[in-house]
């Protein structure tokens, strides 16, 4: 009977504290304009991927969508978005209110080498990131030779 009570109590303790992790450092920083919490040294985290997206284990996860520059002018009016970012397999590029006659994208790595590029012919374009290494990439949208928008894309495993 004592053994059974020990097992039940132990299982209850693990359920209650399931979001704890052993870290080397971490903390919270608060200022009048906002706050941030951070953790350093999480030794066990894994990303699970599927057709519909990915889930990353861990105490704190980054969420980042970066528009580096917005070069739009009065002559070029369009809404451009990319998702999901960070990505694992497929990045969706959605462009609304655009003239696709001379629209293209170029994908660059951190060293500035062009990895991919092609003409954009519809409002929804999918870019395959499956064969790329986990890293940061730059997606630049051009109208002719003129850059209209740039995004920082994070590729996870």
N, C-alpha and C. Protein backbone atom coordinates (compact mmCIF):
# COMPACT_ATOMS: atom_id res chain seq x y z
N UNK A 1 0.81 -1.18 0.00
CA UNK A 1 0.00 0.00 0.00
C UNK A 1 0.86 1.26 0.00
N UNK A 2 1.96 1.22 0.80
CA UNK A 2 2.87 2.37 0.84
C UNK A 2 3.47 2.61 -0.54
N UNK A 3 3.81 1.54 -1.21
CA UNK A 3 4.41 1.65 -2.55
C UNK A 3 3.43 2.33 -3.52
N UNK A 4 2.17 1.96 -3.48
CA UNK A 4 1.15 2.53 -4.34
C UNK A 4 0.97 4.02 -4.06
N UNK A 5 0.94 4.41 -2.80
CA UNK A 5 0.82 5.82 -2.44
C UNK A 5 2.03 6.62 -2.92
N UNK A 6 3.21 6.04 -2.81
CA UNK A 6 4.43 6.71 -3.31
C UNK A 6 4.35 6.94 -4.81
N UNK A 7 3.90 5.97 -5.56
CA UNK A 7 3.79 6.09 -7.02
C UNK A 7 2.78 7.17 -7.38
N UNK A 8 1.64 7.18 -6.73
CA UNK A 8 0.60 8.18 -7.02
C UNK A 8 1.10 9.58 -6.67
N UNK A 9 1.75 9.73 -5.52
CA UNK A 9 2.28 11.03 -5.13
C UNK A 9 3.36 11.51 -6.09
N UNK A 10 4.25 10.61 -6.50
CA UNK A 10 5.32 10.97 -7.44
C UNK A 10 4.76 11.40 -8.78
N UNK A 11 3.77 10.71 -9.28
CA UNK A 11 3.16 11.07 -10.55
C UNK A 11 2.51 12.44 -10.45
N UNK A 12 1.88 12.73 -9.33
CA UNK A 12 1.24 14.04 -9.13
C UNK A 12 2.29 15.16 -9.14
N UNK A 13 3.43 14.96 -8.52
CA UNK A 13 4.50 15.96 -8.48
C UNK A 13 5.02 16.24 -9.89
N UNK A 14 5.20 15.21 -10.70
CA UNK A 14 5.70 15.41 -12.05
C UNK A 14 4.71 16.17 -12.92
N UNK A 15 3.44 15.94 -12.74
CA UNK A 15 2.41 16.64 -13.52
C UNK A 15 2.38 18.11 -13.14
N UNK A 16 2.47 18.43 -11.87
CA UNK A 16 2.38 19.80 -11.40
C UNK A 16 3.57 20.63 -11.88
N UNK A 17 4.76 20.05 -11.94
CA UNK A 17 5.96 20.79 -12.30
C UNK A 17 6.47 20.43 -13.70
N UNK A 18 5.58 20.20 -14.63
CA UNK A 18 5.99 19.74 -15.95
C UNK A 18 6.64 20.82 -16.81
N UNK A 19 6.54 22.10 -16.45
CA UNK A 19 7.13 23.17 -17.24
C UNK A 19 8.45 23.67 -16.67
N UNK A 20 9.05 22.95 -15.77
CA UNK A 20 10.34 23.37 -15.22
C UNK A 20 11.46 22.77 -16.03
N UNK A 21 12.61 23.46 -16.02
CA UNK A 21 13.79 22.97 -16.73
C UNK A 21 15.03 23.31 -15.92
N UNK A 22 16.07 22.54 -16.13
CA UNK A 22 17.35 22.82 -15.48
C UNK A 22 18.15 23.69 -16.44
N UNK A 23 18.45 24.92 -16.02
CA UNK A 23 19.13 25.89 -16.86
C UNK A 23 20.40 26.36 -16.17
N UNK A 24 21.36 26.85 -16.96
CA UNK A 24 22.58 27.39 -16.37
C UNK A 24 22.38 28.82 -15.90
N UNK A 25 21.45 29.55 -16.56
CA UNK A 25 21.22 30.94 -16.19
C UNK A 25 19.88 31.38 -16.76
N UNK A 26 19.41 32.52 -16.33
CA UNK A 26 18.17 33.08 -16.85
C UNK A 26 17.66 34.16 -15.94
N UNK A 27 16.61 34.83 -16.37
CA UNK A 27 16.05 35.88 -15.53
C UNK A 27 15.02 36.70 -16.26
N UNK A 28 14.62 37.79 -15.62
CA UNK A 28 13.66 38.73 -16.18
C UNK A 28 14.27 40.12 -16.12
N UNK A 29 14.04 40.90 -17.16
CA UNK A 29 14.48 42.30 -17.19
C UNK A 29 13.26 43.16 -17.50
N UNK A 30 13.01 44.15 -16.66
CA UNK A 30 11.85 45.04 -16.83
C UNK A 30 12.32 46.47 -16.96
N UNK A 31 11.64 47.19 -17.84
CA UNK A 31 11.91 48.60 -18.02
C UNK A 31 10.58 49.27 -18.33
N UNK A 32 10.51 50.57 -18.30
CA UNK A 32 9.27 51.27 -18.54
C UNK A 32 8.64 50.95 -19.89
N UNK A 33 9.46 50.66 -20.91
CA UNK A 33 8.94 50.40 -22.25
C UNK A 33 8.59 48.94 -22.50
N UNK A 34 8.92 48.04 -21.58
CA UNK A 34 8.59 46.63 -21.80
C UNK A 34 9.38 45.73 -20.88
N UNK A 35 9.24 44.43 -21.11
CA UNK A 35 9.95 43.45 -20.30
C UNK A 35 10.38 42.29 -21.19
N UNK A 36 11.36 41.55 -20.71
CA UNK A 36 11.86 40.39 -21.44
C UNK A 36 12.26 39.34 -20.42
N UNK A 37 12.02 38.08 -20.74
CA UNK A 37 12.52 36.99 -19.91
C UNK A 37 13.42 36.13 -20.78
N UNK A 38 14.43 35.56 -20.19
CA UNK A 38 15.40 34.78 -20.96
C UNK A 38 15.87 33.57 -20.17
N UNK A 39 16.31 32.56 -20.93
CA UNK A 39 16.89 31.38 -20.31
C UNK A 39 18.10 30.97 -21.14
N UNK A 40 19.13 30.49 -20.45
CA UNK A 40 20.37 30.09 -21.11
C UNK A 40 20.72 28.68 -20.66
N UNK A 41 21.06 27.84 -21.60
CA UNK A 41 21.59 26.54 -21.24
C UNK A 41 20.60 25.41 -21.17
N UNK A 42 19.48 25.52 -21.84
CA UNK A 42 18.55 24.39 -21.86
C UNK A 42 19.20 23.28 -22.68
N UNK A 43 19.42 22.13 -22.07
CA UNK A 43 20.20 21.09 -22.73
C UNK A 43 19.38 20.11 -23.54
N UNK A 44 18.07 20.10 -23.36
CA UNK A 44 17.26 19.11 -24.06
C UNK A 44 16.09 19.79 -24.74
N UNK A 45 16.21 20.01 -26.04
CA UNK A 45 15.06 20.51 -26.78
C UNK A 45 15.06 19.86 -28.16
N UNK A 46 13.90 19.64 -28.70
CA UNK A 46 13.75 18.94 -29.96
C UNK A 46 12.60 19.55 -30.74
N UNK A 47 12.71 19.58 -32.06
CA UNK A 47 11.65 20.10 -32.91
C UNK A 47 10.98 18.94 -33.62
N UNK A 48 9.65 18.90 -33.56
CA UNK A 48 8.86 17.89 -34.23
C UNK A 48 8.20 18.53 -35.43
N UNK A 49 8.38 17.97 -36.62
CA UNK A 49 7.87 18.56 -37.85
C UNK A 49 6.87 17.64 -38.53
N UNK A 50 5.93 18.26 -39.21
CA UNK A 50 4.95 17.53 -39.98
C UNK A 50 4.51 18.36 -41.17
N UNK A 51 3.56 17.88 -41.92
CA UNK A 51 3.09 18.57 -43.10
C UNK A 51 2.44 19.90 -42.74
N UNK A 52 1.73 19.96 -41.62
CA UNK A 52 0.98 21.15 -41.22
C UNK A 52 1.84 22.19 -40.50
N UNK A 53 3.07 21.85 -40.11
CA UNK A 53 3.91 22.80 -39.39
C UNK A 53 4.87 22.09 -38.47
N UNK A 54 5.34 22.81 -37.46
CA UNK A 54 6.30 22.23 -36.53
C UNK A 54 6.02 22.72 -35.11
N UNK A 55 6.47 21.92 -34.14
CA UNK A 55 6.37 22.26 -32.73
C UNK A 55 7.74 22.03 -32.13
N UNK A 56 8.22 23.02 -31.37
CA UNK A 56 9.52 22.91 -30.73
C UNK A 56 9.34 22.79 -29.23
N UNK A 57 9.99 21.80 -28.64
CA UNK A 57 9.96 21.64 -27.19
C UNK A 57 10.85 22.71 -26.57
N UNK A 58 10.58 23.05 -25.36
CA UNK A 58 11.46 23.98 -24.67
C UNK A 58 10.68 24.90 -23.76
N UNK A 59 11.40 25.57 -22.87
CA UNK A 59 10.80 26.47 -21.92
C UNK A 59 10.39 27.76 -22.60
N UNK A 60 11.27 28.35 -23.38
CA UNK A 60 10.99 29.60 -24.08
C UNK A 60 11.30 29.42 -25.55
N UNK A 61 10.41 29.87 -26.40
CA UNK A 61 10.58 29.73 -27.84
C UNK A 61 10.55 31.10 -28.50
N UNK A 62 11.43 31.34 -29.48
CA UNK A 62 11.39 32.63 -30.16
C UNK A 62 10.27 32.68 -31.18
N UNK A 63 9.71 33.84 -31.35
CA UNK A 63 8.73 34.09 -32.41
C UNK A 63 9.16 35.38 -33.07
N UNK A 64 9.51 35.30 -34.31
CA UNK A 64 10.10 36.46 -34.94
C UNK A 64 9.64 36.58 -36.39
N UNK A 65 9.09 37.72 -36.71
CA UNK A 65 8.82 38.08 -38.10
C UNK A 65 9.50 39.41 -38.31
N UNK A 66 10.46 39.44 -39.19
CA UNK A 66 11.23 40.65 -39.39
C UNK A 66 11.07 41.16 -40.80
N UNK A 67 10.60 42.40 -40.90
CA UNK A 67 10.64 43.11 -42.18
C UNK A 67 11.86 43.99 -42.06
N UNK A 68 12.87 43.71 -42.89
CA UNK A 68 14.12 44.43 -42.77
C UNK A 68 13.96 45.86 -43.27
N UNK A 69 13.51 46.00 -44.48
CA UNK A 69 13.31 47.31 -45.07
C UNK A 69 12.02 47.30 -45.85
N UNK A 70 11.38 48.43 -45.88
CA UNK A 70 10.16 48.57 -46.66
C UNK A 70 10.43 49.66 -47.69
N UNK A 71 10.68 49.26 -48.93
CA UNK A 71 11.09 50.18 -49.97
C UNK A 71 9.93 50.66 -50.83
N UNK A 72 8.70 50.40 -50.37
CA UNK A 72 7.56 50.73 -51.20
C UNK A 72 7.48 52.24 -51.41
N UNK A 73 7.03 52.64 -52.57
CA UNK A 73 6.84 54.05 -52.88
C UNK A 73 5.39 54.28 -53.26
N UNK A 74 5.06 55.52 -53.62
CA UNK A 74 3.68 55.81 -54.01
C UNK A 74 3.29 55.09 -55.29
N UNK A 75 4.25 54.77 -56.14
CA UNK A 75 3.91 54.12 -57.41
C UNK A 75 3.70 52.63 -57.26
N UNK A 76 4.25 52.01 -56.22
CA UNK A 76 4.09 50.57 -56.00
C UNK A 76 3.34 50.39 -54.69
N UNK A 77 2.10 49.97 -54.78
CA UNK A 77 1.27 49.74 -53.59
C UNK A 77 0.87 48.26 -53.56
N UNK A 78 1.38 47.52 -52.58
CA UNK A 78 1.02 46.11 -52.41
C UNK A 78 1.24 45.69 -50.97
N UNK A 79 0.51 44.69 -50.54
CA UNK A 79 0.69 44.10 -49.22
C UNK A 79 1.42 42.79 -49.39
N UNK A 80 2.57 42.65 -48.70
CA UNK A 80 3.39 41.44 -48.81
C UNK A 80 3.57 40.85 -47.41
N UNK A 81 3.32 39.54 -47.28
CA UNK A 81 3.55 38.87 -46.00
C UNK A 81 4.16 37.49 -46.25
N UNK A 82 4.95 37.03 -45.27
CA UNK A 82 5.53 35.69 -45.31
C UNK A 82 5.16 34.96 -44.02
N UNK A 83 4.90 33.66 -44.12
CA UNK A 83 4.53 32.86 -42.95
C UNK A 83 4.73 31.40 -43.28
N UNK A 84 4.97 30.50 -42.34
CA UNK A 84 5.34 30.79 -40.96
C UNK A 84 6.81 31.18 -40.88
N UNK A 85 7.13 32.01 -39.95
CA UNK A 85 8.51 32.43 -39.74
C UNK A 85 8.75 32.44 -38.24
N UNK A 86 9.56 31.55 -37.69
CA UNK A 86 10.47 30.60 -38.32
C UNK A 86 9.73 29.50 -39.08
N UNK A 87 10.44 28.92 -40.04
CA UNK A 87 9.86 27.87 -40.87
C UNK A 87 10.73 26.62 -40.81
N UNK A 88 10.16 25.50 -41.23
CA UNK A 88 10.90 24.24 -41.29
C UNK A 88 10.95 23.73 -42.73
N UNK A 89 9.80 23.63 -43.38
CA UNK A 89 9.75 23.07 -44.72
C UNK A 89 9.30 24.08 -45.78
N UNK A 90 8.13 24.66 -45.60
CA UNK A 90 7.53 25.52 -46.62
C UNK A 90 7.33 26.92 -46.06
N UNK A 91 7.73 27.93 -46.83
CA UNK A 91 7.47 29.33 -46.50
C UNK A 91 6.46 29.85 -47.50
N UNK A 92 5.39 30.44 -47.01
CA UNK A 92 4.35 30.99 -47.88
C UNK A 92 4.59 32.48 -48.08
N UNK A 93 4.56 32.91 -49.31
CA UNK A 93 4.69 34.32 -49.68
C UNK A 93 3.36 34.76 -50.24
N UNK A 94 2.72 35.73 -49.58
CA UNK A 94 1.40 36.20 -50.00
C UNK A 94 1.51 37.67 -50.38
N UNK A 95 1.08 37.98 -51.60
CA UNK A 95 1.13 39.34 -52.11
C UNK A 95 -0.26 39.74 -52.57
N UNK A 96 -0.74 40.85 -52.04
CA UNK A 96 -2.07 41.35 -52.41
C UNK A 96 -1.93 42.70 -53.09
N UNK A 97 -2.87 43.01 -53.96
CA UNK A 97 -2.93 44.30 -54.65
C UNK A 97 -1.66 44.57 -55.46
N UNK A 98 -1.21 43.58 -56.20
CA UNK A 98 0.04 43.74 -56.93
C UNK A 98 -0.14 43.49 -58.42
N UNK A 99 0.71 44.13 -59.19
CA UNK A 99 0.82 43.86 -60.62
C UNK A 99 1.97 42.86 -60.77
N UNK A 100 1.67 41.64 -61.20
CA UNK A 100 2.67 40.57 -61.25
C UNK A 100 3.49 40.59 -62.53
N UNK A 101 3.37 41.61 -63.35
CA UNK A 101 4.04 41.61 -64.65
C UNK A 101 5.56 41.60 -64.51
N UNK A 102 6.11 42.23 -63.48
CA UNK A 102 7.56 42.30 -63.35
C UNK A 102 8.00 42.09 -61.91
N UNK A 103 7.34 41.16 -61.20
CA UNK A 103 7.60 40.91 -59.79
C UNK A 103 8.41 39.62 -59.64
N UNK A 104 9.45 39.65 -58.81
CA UNK A 104 10.27 38.45 -58.57
C UNK A 104 10.83 38.50 -57.16
N UNK A 105 11.35 37.34 -56.70
CA UNK A 105 11.99 37.28 -55.40
C UNK A 105 13.38 36.69 -55.57
N UNK A 106 14.24 37.00 -54.59
CA UNK A 106 15.57 36.41 -54.49
C UNK A 106 15.80 36.06 -53.04
N UNK A 107 16.35 34.85 -52.81
CA UNK A 107 16.64 34.36 -51.47
C UNK A 107 18.15 34.32 -51.29
N UNK A 108 18.65 34.94 -50.23
CA UNK A 108 20.07 35.03 -49.96
C UNK A 108 20.41 34.38 -48.62
N UNK A 109 21.64 33.83 -48.52
CA UNK A 109 22.10 33.31 -47.23
C UNK A 109 22.79 34.43 -46.46
N UNK A 110 23.35 34.11 -45.29
CA UNK A 110 23.99 35.12 -44.45
C UNK A 110 25.23 35.74 -45.09
N UNK A 111 25.84 35.02 -46.02
CA UNK A 111 27.03 35.53 -46.70
C UNK A 111 26.70 36.40 -47.90
N UNK A 112 25.41 36.54 -48.20
CA UNK A 112 25.01 37.35 -49.34
C UNK A 112 24.96 36.59 -50.65
N UNK A 113 25.13 35.27 -50.60
CA UNK A 113 25.04 34.45 -51.82
C UNK A 113 23.58 34.18 -52.15
N UNK A 114 23.23 34.37 -53.43
CA UNK A 114 21.85 34.10 -53.84
C UNK A 114 21.65 32.60 -53.94
N UNK A 115 20.63 32.08 -53.24
CA UNK A 115 20.33 30.65 -53.21
C UNK A 115 19.22 30.31 -54.18
N UNK A 116 18.24 31.19 -54.29
CA UNK A 116 17.06 30.90 -55.09
C UNK A 116 16.51 32.22 -55.61
N UNK A 117 15.77 32.14 -56.65
CA UNK A 117 15.11 33.32 -57.18
C UNK A 117 14.24 32.93 -58.35
N UNK A 118 13.08 33.57 -58.46
CA UNK A 118 12.23 33.31 -59.61
C UNK A 118 11.15 34.36 -59.71
N UNK A 119 10.47 34.36 -60.82
CA UNK A 119 9.39 35.29 -61.09
C UNK A 119 8.17 34.92 -60.25
N UNK A 120 7.50 35.92 -59.72
CA UNK A 120 6.27 35.71 -58.95
C UNK A 120 5.11 35.92 -59.90
N UNK A 121 4.25 34.90 -60.03
CA UNK A 121 3.16 34.97 -61.00
C UNK A 121 1.77 34.96 -60.38
N UNK A 122 1.68 34.74 -59.07
CA UNK A 122 0.36 34.71 -58.42
C UNK A 122 0.47 35.29 -57.02
N UNK A 123 -0.68 35.49 -56.39
CA UNK A 123 -0.69 36.11 -55.06
C UNK A 123 -0.17 35.16 -53.97
N UNK A 124 -0.21 33.84 -54.20
CA UNK A 124 0.31 32.87 -53.24
C UNK A 124 1.45 32.07 -53.86
N UNK A 125 2.63 32.18 -53.25
CA UNK A 125 3.81 31.46 -53.72
C UNK A 125 4.40 30.69 -52.55
N UNK A 126 4.80 29.44 -52.79
CA UNK A 126 5.42 28.63 -51.75
C UNK A 126 6.90 28.43 -52.08
N UNK A 127 7.74 28.64 -51.07
CA UNK A 127 9.17 28.43 -51.20
C UNK A 127 9.55 27.23 -50.35
N UNK A 128 10.26 26.28 -50.94
CA UNK A 128 10.65 25.06 -50.25
C UNK A 128 11.97 25.28 -49.52
N UNK A 129 11.94 25.17 -48.20
CA UNK A 129 13.13 25.32 -47.37
C UNK A 129 13.65 23.98 -46.88
N UNK A 130 13.04 22.87 -47.29
CA UNK A 130 13.39 21.55 -46.77
C UNK A 130 14.86 21.19 -47.00
N UNK A 131 15.41 21.59 -48.13
CA UNK A 131 16.79 21.21 -48.46
C UNK A 131 17.82 22.21 -47.95
N UNK A 132 17.40 23.25 -47.22
CA UNK A 132 18.32 24.26 -46.71
C UNK A 132 18.71 23.95 -45.27
N UNK A 133 19.90 24.36 -44.91
CA UNK A 133 20.38 24.17 -43.54
C UNK A 133 19.69 25.14 -42.59
N UNK A 134 19.64 24.77 -41.32
CA UNK A 134 19.07 25.66 -40.31
C UNK A 134 19.96 26.90 -40.21
N UNK A 135 19.36 28.05 -40.48
CA UNK A 135 20.13 29.29 -40.50
C UNK A 135 19.17 30.46 -40.66
N UNK A 136 19.72 31.63 -40.87
CA UNK A 136 18.96 32.83 -41.17
C UNK A 136 19.15 33.15 -42.65
N UNK A 137 18.06 33.51 -43.31
CA UNK A 137 18.09 33.84 -44.74
C UNK A 137 17.40 35.18 -44.95
N UNK A 138 17.67 35.80 -46.08
CA UNK A 138 17.05 37.06 -46.44
C UNK A 138 16.27 36.89 -47.74
N UNK A 139 14.99 37.20 -47.67
CA UNK A 139 14.10 37.13 -48.82
C UNK A 139 13.83 38.56 -49.27
N UNK A 140 14.19 38.84 -50.53
CA UNK A 140 14.02 40.18 -51.07
C UNK A 140 13.03 40.13 -52.23
N UNK A 141 12.08 41.03 -52.24
CA UNK A 141 11.06 41.12 -53.27
C UNK A 141 11.41 42.30 -54.17
N UNK A 142 11.39 42.06 -55.49
CA UNK A 142 11.77 43.09 -56.46
C UNK A 142 10.62 43.33 -57.43
N UNK A 143 10.47 44.58 -57.83
CA UNK A 143 9.60 44.97 -58.95
C UNK A 143 10.56 45.46 -60.02
N UNK A 144 10.79 44.62 -61.02
CA UNK A 144 11.85 44.90 -62.00
C UNK A 144 13.19 44.74 -61.31
N UNK A 145 14.00 45.77 -61.34
CA UNK A 145 15.30 45.75 -60.65
C UNK A 145 15.24 46.49 -59.32
N UNK A 146 14.07 47.03 -58.99
CA UNK A 146 13.93 47.83 -57.78
C UNK A 146 13.40 46.98 -56.64
N UNK A 147 14.12 46.96 -55.52
CA UNK A 147 13.69 46.20 -54.35
C UNK A 147 12.54 46.92 -53.68
N UNK A 148 11.46 46.17 -53.36
CA UNK A 148 10.30 46.78 -52.71
C UNK A 148 10.14 46.32 -51.26
N UNK A 149 10.67 45.16 -50.90
CA UNK A 149 10.58 44.69 -49.52
C UNK A 149 11.62 43.62 -49.26
N UNK A 150 12.04 43.50 -47.99
CA UNK A 150 13.00 42.48 -47.61
C UNK A 150 12.59 41.89 -46.26
N UNK A 151 12.75 40.58 -46.12
CA UNK A 151 12.38 39.87 -44.90
C UNK A 151 13.57 39.06 -44.39
N UNK A 152 13.71 38.96 -43.07
CA UNK A 152 14.66 38.05 -42.44
C UNK A 152 13.90 36.79 -42.10
N UNK A 153 14.31 35.65 -42.66
CA UNK A 153 13.64 34.38 -42.47
C UNK A 153 14.53 33.46 -41.63
N UNK A 154 13.93 32.81 -40.64
CA UNK A 154 14.68 31.85 -39.81
C UNK A 154 14.24 30.46 -40.18
N UNK A 155 15.21 29.60 -40.53
CA UNK A 155 14.95 28.21 -40.90
C UNK A 155 15.38 27.33 -39.73
N UNK A 156 14.42 26.60 -39.14
CA UNK A 156 14.69 25.64 -38.08
C UNK A 156 14.83 24.25 -38.65
N UNK A 157 15.25 23.31 -37.82
CA UNK A 157 15.39 21.92 -38.26
C UNK A 157 14.07 21.27 -38.46
